[in-house]
């Protein structure tokens, strides 16, 4: 399935042209054409939804003049520099953490943004980061916690939900530290990449293959190219393909950065060993279709030889292009509308109006009595999602087709459900 640019909205055509570190001549022509008559607010909102505003600015300002669509360019420029400042704070904190860990002799692998911003994007301002993700050996987790505590971090116990840290479903802990004049810094300490029993990820093998790297003059490690690509494909599926288009940009840029040294035979062999073949195919294919990731054709042929529903790729593409604010509501709305039993419908209502959901939505202290917020919660739901509710009931046939597509994806992504439930992801509503 090749993505036709003519089937995308002007905003999406521009975003996909911007979502590469290096633009082709065709990309530059698309940027120049689409940006001139752009709905600035709509595009900036889309870029923000998908964590691509800094990269969009980086791509656009090289092609268009400062006098073209100044409102959009000004907004993107502000977001670019805001991200540069935020990442500078995070990387400064990362250096402090790594120097403290060096004194204890603790080995660490940089994950996600901490590794990609330097190694792949080669410009820390381009790749937004919400936190610092570090992989440690499980035997070192308690010692790492002590080091972080000495640096002013406090354990975010919400991830544990009343269990011990080494419960089989857990694979990471989060530590929070207030930062002066900036948002709280979060450091997540991982001891596994994905703990689901459905998969067989050999974490010892991951460590054995890790590649030495240098950060601020310190010796650290990053995942080897094959493991790095596998991990980001699986991680994208874990977040149900709704973590933002940035995830596919990450995948495409990993392929471009390491393509010459990527051992594709090892990549395919490891995908089979980890039992993640289908969860690798979909993100890779979307990164190829949307962003031209140069994945060898034989890789796709090998991955598609495994069991894969023919409609799954189209469903995934629709999910990726969906408006994020709309997609937040739909699964709960569908369960409320189509729940097989009254019990299923009541479960959705209890979730929406649960104390935890209300406290999260309104940032309330734990001791707050949430009953008095029920009316406000109902009013906000109508205000936030009223248009979608109207569209749903006005065109139920189309909505049901969309629903079947989402159910197909949900069934495919079921192996991740357990680890998602124990992550820091907030309730959908």
Protein backbone atom coordinates (compact mmCIF):
# COMPACT_ATOMS: atom_id res chain seq x y z
CA UNK A 1 0.00 0.00 0.00
CA UNK A 2 1.63 3.22 -1.12
CA UNK A 3 0.25 6.35 0.43
CA UNK A 4 -1.00 8.78 -2.18
CA UNK A 5 -0.31 12.37 -1.22
CA UNK A 6 -3.40 13.44 -3.15
CA UNK A 7 -5.58 11.53 -0.67
CA UNK A 8 -4.22 13.53 2.28
CA UNK A 9 -5.41 16.92 3.49
CA UNK A 10 -3.16 19.94 2.73
CA UNK A 11 -2.07 19.97 6.38
CA UNK A 12 -1.07 16.31 6.29
CA UNK A 13 0.73 16.71 2.95
CA UNK A 14 2.78 19.51 4.48
CA UNK A 15 3.43 17.63 7.72
CA UNK A 16 4.70 14.50 5.97
CA UNK A 17 6.96 16.65 3.76
CA UNK A 18 8.35 18.31 6.90
CA UNK A 19 8.75 15.11 8.92
CA UNK A 20 12.19 14.27 7.53
CA UNK A 21 15.58 15.54 8.59
CA UNK A 22 16.57 16.09 4.96
CA UNK A 23 14.01 17.12 2.35
CA UNK A 24 14.04 15.95 -1.23
CA UNK A 25 13.33 18.38 -4.08
CA UNK A 26 9.76 17.08 -4.12
CA UNK A 27 9.43 17.73 -0.38
CA UNK A 28 10.70 21.28 -0.83
CA UNK A 29 8.18 21.91 -3.61
CA UNK A 30 5.38 20.55 -1.43
CA UNK A 31 6.43 22.76 1.49
CA UNK A 32 6.61 25.88 -0.70
CA UNK A 33 3.24 25.16 -2.30
CA UNK A 34 1.23 24.08 0.73
CA UNK A 35 2.64 26.58 3.22
CA UNK A 36 1.72 29.63 1.15
CA UNK A 37 -2.06 29.19 1.51
CA UNK A 38 -2.08 27.25 4.74
CA UNK A 39 -4.67 27.36 7.51
CA UNK A 40 -2.04 28.31 10.09
CA UNK A 41 -3.98 27.38 13.22
CA UNK A 42 -5.00 24.00 11.87
CA UNK A 43 -1.49 23.05 10.79
CA UNK A 44 0.21 24.21 13.99
CA UNK A 45 -2.37 22.26 16.01
CA UNK A 46 -1.70 19.14 13.92
CA UNK A 47 2.07 19.53 14.30
CA UNK A 48 1.67 19.89 18.07
CA UNK A 49 -0.66 16.89 18.32
CA UNK A 50 2.02 14.75 16.72
CA UNK A 51 5.09 16.23 18.46
CA UNK A 52 6.51 17.50 15.19
CA UNK A 53 6.38 21.30 15.60
CA UNK A 54 10.18 21.71 16.07
CA UNK A 55 10.98 19.51 13.07
CA UNK A 56 8.31 21.29 11.00
CA UNK A 57 9.92 24.65 11.73
CA UNK A 58 13.38 23.25 10.93
CA UNK A 59 12.11 22.03 7.55
CA UNK A 60 9.90 24.97 6.61
CA UNK A 61 12.19 27.90 7.43
CA UNK A 62 14.84 26.50 5.05
CA UNK A 63 12.37 26.61 2.14
CA UNK A 64 10.06 29.62 2.59
CA UNK A 65 10.78 33.27 3.24
CA UNK A 66 10.04 34.92 6.59
CA UNK A 67 7.30 37.01 4.93
CA UNK A 68 5.28 33.93 3.96
CA UNK A 69 2.47 32.95 6.34
CA UNK A 70 4.18 34.75 9.18
CA UNK A 71 1.64 33.68 11.82
CA UNK A 72 2.34 29.98 11.32
CA UNK A 73 6.09 30.46 11.02
CA UNK A 74 6.18 32.58 14.18
CA UNK A 75 4.20 29.96 16.14
CA UNK A 76 6.44 27.14 14.94
CA UNK A 77 9.58 29.14 15.71
CA UNK A 78 8.37 29.75 19.27
CA UNK A 79 7.65 26.04 19.71
CA UNK A 80 11.06 25.14 18.32
CA UNK A 81 12.90 27.33 20.81
CA UNK A 82 10.63 26.30 23.68
CA UNK A 83 11.52 22.69 22.96
CA UNK A 84 15.21 23.58 22.70
CA UNK A 85 15.06 25.10 26.19
CA UNK A 86 13.11 22.19 27.63
CA UNK A 87 15.52 19.64 26.15
CA UNK A 88 18.53 21.62 27.37
CA UNK A 89 17.17 21.28 30.91
CA UNK A 90 16.55 17.55 30.44
CA UNK A 91 20.01 16.88 29.01
CA UNK A 92 21.64 18.93 31.75
CA UNK A 93 19.80 16.79 34.28
CA UNK A 94 20.78 13.64 32.37
CA UNK A 95 24.44 14.59 32.66
CA UNK A 96 24.06 15.02 36.44
CA UNK A 97 22.41 11.59 36.71
CA UNK A 98 25.02 9.85 34.56
CA UNK A 99 27.92 11.36 36.51
CA UNK A 100 26.34 10.20 39.78
CA UNK A 101 25.82 6.71 38.36
CA UNK A 102 29.42 6.58 37.11
CA UNK A 103 30.62 6.93 40.70
CA UNK A 104 28.69 3.76 41.58
CA UNK A 105 29.92 1.84 38.52
CA UNK A 106 26.34 1.32 37.25
CA UNK A 107 25.93 0.53 33.55
CA UNK A 108 23.19 2.31 31.64
CA UNK A 109 21.64 2.21 28.17
CA UNK A 110 20.06 5.44 26.88
CA UNK A 111 16.58 4.87 25.48
CA UNK A 112 14.11 6.82 23.33
CA UNK A 113 14.62 10.59 23.07
CA UNK A 114 17.82 10.65 25.12
CA UNK A 115 19.47 8.45 22.50
CA UNK A 116 17.67 9.62 19.35
CA UNK A 117 18.15 13.37 19.80
CA UNK A 118 21.93 13.02 19.75
CA UNK A 119 22.57 9.87 17.74
CA UNK A 120 19.86 10.07 15.06
CA UNK A 121 18.51 13.64 14.84
CA UNK A 122 21.90 15.17 15.76
CA UNK A 123 20.10 18.28 16.99
CA UNK A 124 18.57 18.17 20.45
CA UNK A 125 16.03 20.86 19.62
CA UNK A 126 14.33 18.75 16.92
CA UNK A 127 13.16 15.76 18.94
CA UNK A 128 10.63 16.58 21.74
CA UNK A 129 11.13 14.64 24.99
CA UNK A 130 8.69 14.33 27.85
CA UNK A 131 11.12 12.53 30.16
CA UNK A 132 14.43 10.69 30.45
CA UNK A 133 14.31 6.95 29.76
CA UNK A 134 17.21 4.80 30.94
CA UNK A 135 17.67 1.02 30.91
CA UNK A 136 19.47 -0.70 33.81
CA UNK A 137 20.10 -4.26 34.82
CA UNK A 138 17.42 -5.41 37.21
CA UNK A 139 19.96 -6.04 39.97
CA UNK A 140 20.87 -2.33 39.89
CA UNK A 141 17.36 -0.86 40.09
CA UNK A 142 17.33 -0.30 43.87
CA UNK A 143 20.78 1.28 43.83
CA UNK A 144 19.71 3.56 40.97
CA UNK A 145 16.70 4.60 43.03
CA UNK A 146 18.99 5.56 45.90
CA UNK A 147 21.17 7.64 43.57
CA UNK A 148 18.14 9.46 42.19
CA UNK A 149 16.81 10.11 45.69
CA UNK A 150 20.14 11.71 46.61
CA UNK A 151 19.74 13.96 43.55
CA UNK A 152 16.34 15.19 44.72
CA UNK A 153 14.06 12.77 42.85
CA UNK A 154 11.04 11.13 44.48
CA UNK A 155 9.44 7.85 43.37
CA UNK A 156 6.11 8.26 41.59
CA UNK A 157 4.24 5.47 43.37
CA UNK A 158 1.22 5.69 41.05
CA UNK A 159 2.90 3.21 38.67
CA UNK A 160 3.03 0.56 41.39
CA UNK A 161 -0.66 0.66 42.33
CA UNK A 162 -0.12 -1.03 45.67
CA UNK A 163 2.33 -3.68 44.42
CA UNK A 164 6.03 -4.26 44.90
CA UNK A 165 8.31 -2.75 42.25
CA UNK A 166 9.46 -6.17 41.00
CA UNK A 167 5.93 -7.44 40.30
CA UNK A 168 6.01 -9.44 37.00
CA UNK A 169 3.84 -6.84 35.23
CA UNK A 170 6.20 -3.99 36.08
CA UNK A 171 9.15 -3.09 33.90
CA UNK A 172 9.97 0.48 34.94
CA UNK A 173 9.71 3.06 37.71
CA UNK A 174 9.28 6.80 37.40
CA UNK A 175 11.07 9.38 39.53
CA UNK A 176 10.03 13.03 39.62
CA UNK A 177 12.06 16.12 40.47
CA UNK A 178 10.78 19.72 40.51
CA UNK A 179 12.98 21.89 38.30
CA UNK A 180 13.36 25.64 38.93
CA UNK A 181 11.40 27.79 36.46
CA UNK A 182 10.48 24.74 34.37
CA UNK A 183 8.16 21.70 34.41
CA UNK A 184 8.98 18.76 36.65
CA UNK A 185 11.69 16.45 35.32
CA UNK A 186 10.74 12.78 35.08
CA UNK A 187 13.34 10.01 34.90
CA UNK A 188 12.04 6.54 34.08
CA UNK A 189 14.25 3.62 35.10
CA UNK A 190 13.60 0.55 32.95
CA UNK A 191 14.84 -2.98 33.49
CA UNK A 192 13.00 -4.48 30.51
CA UNK A 193 11.86 -3.29 27.08
CA UNK A 194 8.45 -5.00 27.06
CA UNK A 195 7.44 -7.51 29.75
CA UNK A 196 4.35 -9.02 28.10
CA UNK A 197 4.37 -12.82 28.31
CA UNK A 198 3.24 -12.82 24.65
CA UNK A 199 6.78 -11.83 23.65
CA UNK A 200 10.19 -13.37 24.24
CA UNK A 201 12.55 -10.40 24.37
CA UNK A 202 15.95 -11.61 25.57
CA UNK A 203 17.05 -8.70 27.75
CA UNK A 204 20.46 -10.28 28.42
CA UNK A 205 21.02 -10.42 24.66
CA UNK A 206 20.03 -6.75 24.41
CA UNK A 207 22.76 -5.89 26.90
CA UNK A 208 25.33 -8.08 25.15
CA UNK A 209 24.69 -6.32 21.83
CA UNK A 210 24.53 -2.77 23.23
CA UNK A 211 26.87 -0.31 21.51
CA UNK A 212 29.28 1.94 23.46
CA UNK A 213 28.56 5.65 23.10
CA UNK A 214 29.78 8.91 24.58
CA UNK A 215 27.61 11.51 26.27
CA UNK A 216 29.16 14.67 27.76
CA UNK A 217 32.47 12.83 27.97
CA UNK A 218 30.88 9.89 29.79
CA UNK A 219 30.84 6.28 28.62
CA UNK A 220 27.30 4.99 28.14
CA UNK A 221 25.56 2.52 25.84
CA UNK A 222 22.79 2.66 23.27
CA UNK A 223 20.85 -0.17 21.66
CA UNK A 224 22.46 -1.77 18.62
CA UNK A 225 20.78 -0.67 15.34
CA UNK A 226 18.66 -3.82 14.94
CA UNK A 227 17.41 -3.75 18.55
CA UNK A 228 16.83 0.00 18.34
CA UNK A 229 14.56 -0.36 15.32
CA UNK A 230 12.72 -3.36 16.76
CA UNK A 231 12.18 -1.57 20.06
CA UNK A 232 10.71 1.56 18.46
CA UNK A 233 8.39 -0.48 16.25
CA UNK A 234 7.12 -2.46 19.25
CA UNK A 235 6.86 0.68 21.39
CA UNK A 236 4.75 2.37 18.70
CA UNK A 237 2.33 -0.57 18.77
CA UNK A 238 2.29 -0.54 22.56
CA UNK A 239 0.85 2.96 22.38
CA UNK A 240 -1.77 1.67 19.94
CA UNK A 241 -0.36 3.71 17.02
CA UNK A 242 -1.77 6.83 18.69
CA UNK A 243 1.37 8.19 20.33
CA UNK A 244 1.82 10.73 17.53
CA UNK A 245 3.25 10.74 14.03
CA UNK A 246 6.66 11.47 15.57
CA UNK A 247 6.95 7.74 16.28
CA UNK A 248 6.98 6.98 12.54
CA UNK A 249 9.44 9.80 11.96
CA UNK A 250 11.70 8.16 14.57
CA UNK A 251 11.46 4.83 12.77
CA UNK A 252 12.15 6.34 9.34
CA UNK A 253 15.16 8.30 10.62
CA UNK A 254 16.59 5.25 12.41
CA UNK A 255 16.46 3.36 9.11
CA UNK A 256 18.12 6.25 7.26
CA UNK A 257 20.76 6.75 9.94
CA UNK A 258 21.77 3.11 10.33
CA UNK A 259 20.70 1.67 6.98
CA UNK A 260 24.25 1.04 5.80
CA UNK A 261 25.20 -0.92 8.92
CA UNK A 262 21.81 -2.50 9.63
CA UNK A 263 22.01 -6.29 9.47
CA UNK A 264 18.55 -6.98 8.08
CA UNK A 265 18.96 -10.76 8.37
CA UNK A 266 19.67 -10.36 12.09
CA UNK A 267 16.79 -7.92 12.34
CA UNK A 268 14.35 -10.46 10.89
CA UNK A 269 15.80 -13.31 12.93
CA UNK A 270 15.44 -11.30 16.15
CA UNK A 271 11.90 -10.20 15.27
CA UNK A 272 11.05 -13.90 15.01
CA UNK A 273 12.85 -14.77 18.26
CA UNK A 274 11.08 -11.95 20.10
CA UNK A 275 7.74 -12.97 18.51
CA UNK A 276 7.04 -9.43 17.35
CA UNK A 277 6.92 -9.91 13.58
CA UNK A 278 3.47 -8.44 12.89
CA UNK A 279 4.11 -5.62 15.37
CA UNK A 280 7.20 -4.68 13.42
CA UNK A 281 5.67 -4.91 9.95
CA UNK A 282 2.90 -2.33 10.45
CA UNK A 283 5.03 0.55 11.86
CA UNK A 284 7.80 -0.15 9.34
CA UNK A 285 5.35 -0.19 6.46
CA UNK A 286 3.70 3.05 7.56
CA UNK A 287 7.10 4.73 7.96
CA UNK A 288 7.91 3.58 4.42
CA UNK A 289 4.57 4.60 2.89
CA UNK A 290 4.29 7.99 4.57
CA UNK A 291 7.93 9.00 4.93
CA UNK A 292 9.85 6.93 2.40
CA UNK A 293 11.86 4.93 4.96
CA UNK A 294 14.29 2.90 2.79
CA UNK A 295 13.38 -0.57 4.05
CA UNK A 296 14.44 -3.39 1.69
CA UNK A 297 11.54 -5.06 -0.09
CA UNK A 298 12.65 -8.51 1.09
CA UNK A 299 12.19 -7.38 4.71
CA UNK A 300 8.53 -6.64 4.05
CA UNK A 301 8.10 -9.90 2.15
CA UNK A 302 9.55 -11.86 5.04
CA UNK A 303 7.42 -10.07 7.65
CA UNK A 304 4.18 -10.44 5.65
CA UNK A 305 4.74 -14.18 5.38
CA UNK A 306 3.47 -14.28 8.96
CA UNK A 307 -0.23 -14.22 9.82
CA UNK A 308 -1.61 -10.75 9.14
CA UNK A 309 -5.18 -9.67 8.41
CA UNK A 310 -5.38 -7.99 4.98
CA UNK A 311 -7.45 -5.07 6.34
CA UNK A 312 -5.11 -4.41 9.26
CA UNK A 313 -2.76 -2.09 7.38
CA UNK A 314 -5.59 0.13 6.15
CA UNK A 315 -7.05 0.23 9.66
CA UNK A 316 -3.66 1.25 11.03
CA UNK A 317 -3.27 3.99 8.44
CA UNK A 318 -6.69 5.41 9.33
CA UNK A 319 -5.81 5.32 13.02
CA UNK A 320 -2.54 7.19 12.48
CA UNK A 321 -4.20 9.97 10.47
CA UNK A 322 -7.07 10.39 12.90
CA UNK A 323 -7.45 13.60 14.86
CA UNK A 324 -5.98 12.91 18.30
CA UNK A 325 -8.69 14.82 20.20
CA UNK A 326 -11.35 12.77 18.44
CA UNK A 327 -9.63 9.42 18.95
CA UNK A 328 -9.43 9.93 22.72
CA UNK A 329 -13.17 9.53 23.12
CA UNK A 330 -14.12 6.94 20.55
CA UNK A 331 -13.26 3.62 22.28
CA UNK A 332 -15.23 4.54 25.41
CA UNK A 333 -18.11 5.93 23.37
CA UNK A 334 -18.22 2.74 21.32
CA UNK A 335 -18.25 0.56 24.45
CA UNK A 336 -21.04 2.70 25.90
CA UNK A 337 -23.09 2.47 22.72
CA UNK A 338 -22.41 -1.15 21.75
CA UNK A 339 -21.69 -2.84 25.05
CA UNK A 340 -23.11 -6.35 24.92
CA UNK A 341 -24.49 -6.13 28.45
CA UNK A 342 -25.66 -3.50 30.89
CA UNK A 343 -22.66 -4.43 33.04
CA UNK A 344 -20.24 -3.45 30.24
CA UNK A 345 -21.97 -0.09 29.78
CA UNK A 346 -21.97 0.62 33.49
CA UNK A 347 -18.25 -0.17 33.60
CA UNK A 348 -17.61 2.65 31.10
CA UNK A 349 -19.70 5.10 33.14
CA UNK A 350 -17.85 4.13 36.32
CA UNK A 351 -14.53 4.66 34.54
CA UNK A 352 -15.49 8.09 33.21
CA UNK A 353 -16.76 9.27 36.60
CA UNK A 354 -14.28 7.41 38.77
CA UNK A 355 -12.46 9.28 41.51
CA UNK A 356 -9.12 8.57 39.82
CA UNK A 357 -10.33 9.93 36.48
CA UNK A 358 -11.77 13.10 38.02
CA UNK A 359 -8.70 13.74 40.17
CA UNK A 360 -6.46 13.34 37.13
CA UNK A 361 -8.69 15.52 34.92
CA UNK A 362 -8.82 18.39 37.42
CA UNK A 363 -5.44 17.88 39.16
CA UNK A 364 -7.11 17.37 42.55
CA UNK A 365 -5.42 16.29 45.80
CA UNK A 366 -5.88 12.63 46.79
CA UNK A 367 -8.12 13.50 49.75
CA UNK A 368 -10.67 15.40 47.61
CA UNK A 369 -14.30 14.25 47.67
CA UNK A 370 -14.97 13.95 43.94
CA UNK A 371 -18.78 13.60 44.07
CA UNK A 372 -19.25 17.35 43.82
CA UNK A 373 -17.34 17.31 40.51
CA UNK A 374 -19.79 14.97 38.74
CA UNK A 375 -21.85 17.78 37.21
CA UNK A 376 -18.73 19.61 36.04
CA UNK A 377 -17.36 16.38 34.59
CA UNK A 378 -20.57 15.78 32.62
CA UNK A 379 -20.62 19.38 31.35
CA UNK A 380 -16.97 19.20 30.25
CA UNK A 381 -17.53 15.90 28.44
CA UNK A 382 -20.34 17.47 26.41
CA UNK A 383 -18.28 20.58 25.76
CA UNK A 384 -15.14 18.68 24.77
CA UNK A 385 -16.75 15.88 22.75
CA UNK A 386 -20.21 17.17 21.78
CA UNK A 387 -19.37 17.53 18.10
CA UNK A 388 -18.06 14.00 17.89
CA UNK A 389 -21.13 12.67 19.67
CA UNK A 390 -23.31 14.48 17.12
CA UNK A 391 -21.33 13.10 14.19
CA UNK A 392 -21.48 9.62 15.69
CA UNK A 393 -25.26 9.52 16.01
CA UNK A 394 -25.89 11.46 12.78
CA UNK A 395 -23.96 8.96 10.69
CA UNK A 396 -23.97 5.70 12.59
CA UNK A 397 -23.31 3.52 9.56
CA UNK A 398 -19.97 5.21 8.84
CA UNK A 399 -19.25 5.23 12.56
CA UNK A 400 -19.82 1.47 12.76
CA UNK A 401 -17.41 0.87 9.87
CA UNK A 402 -14.89 2.94 11.76
CA UNK A 403 -15.76 0.97 14.88
CA UNK A 404 -15.05 -2.36 13.20
CA UNK A 405 -11.69 -1.00 12.09
CA UNK A 406 -10.86 0.04 15.65
CA UNK A 407 -12.00 -3.29 17.05
CA UNK A 408 -9.77 -5.09 14.57
CA UNK A 409 -6.81 -3.00 15.73
CA UNK A 410 -7.72 -3.50 19.38
CA UNK A 411 -7.78 -7.27 18.92
CA UNK A 412 -4.40 -7.19 17.19
CA UNK A 413 -2.89 -5.00 19.92
CA UNK A 414 -4.37 -7.03 22.79
CA UNK A 415 -0.96 -8.43 23.91
CA UNK A 416 0.02 -4.92 24.98
CA UNK A 417 -3.11 -4.28 27.05
CA UNK A 418 -1.61 -5.49 30.33
CA UNK A 419 1.51 -3.35 30.17
CA UNK A 420 -0.54 -0.35 29.02
CA UNK A 421 -2.80 -0.68 32.05
CA UNK A 422 0.24 -0.41 34.32
CA UNK A 423 1.91 2.46 32.51
CA UNK A 424 1.69 6.15 33.28
CA UNK A 425 -0.77 6.74 30.45
CA UNK A 426 -3.80 8.63 31.77
CA UNK A 427 -7.40 7.54 31.28
CA UNK A 428 -8.70 8.32 27.83
CA UNK A 429 -11.32 10.70 29.14
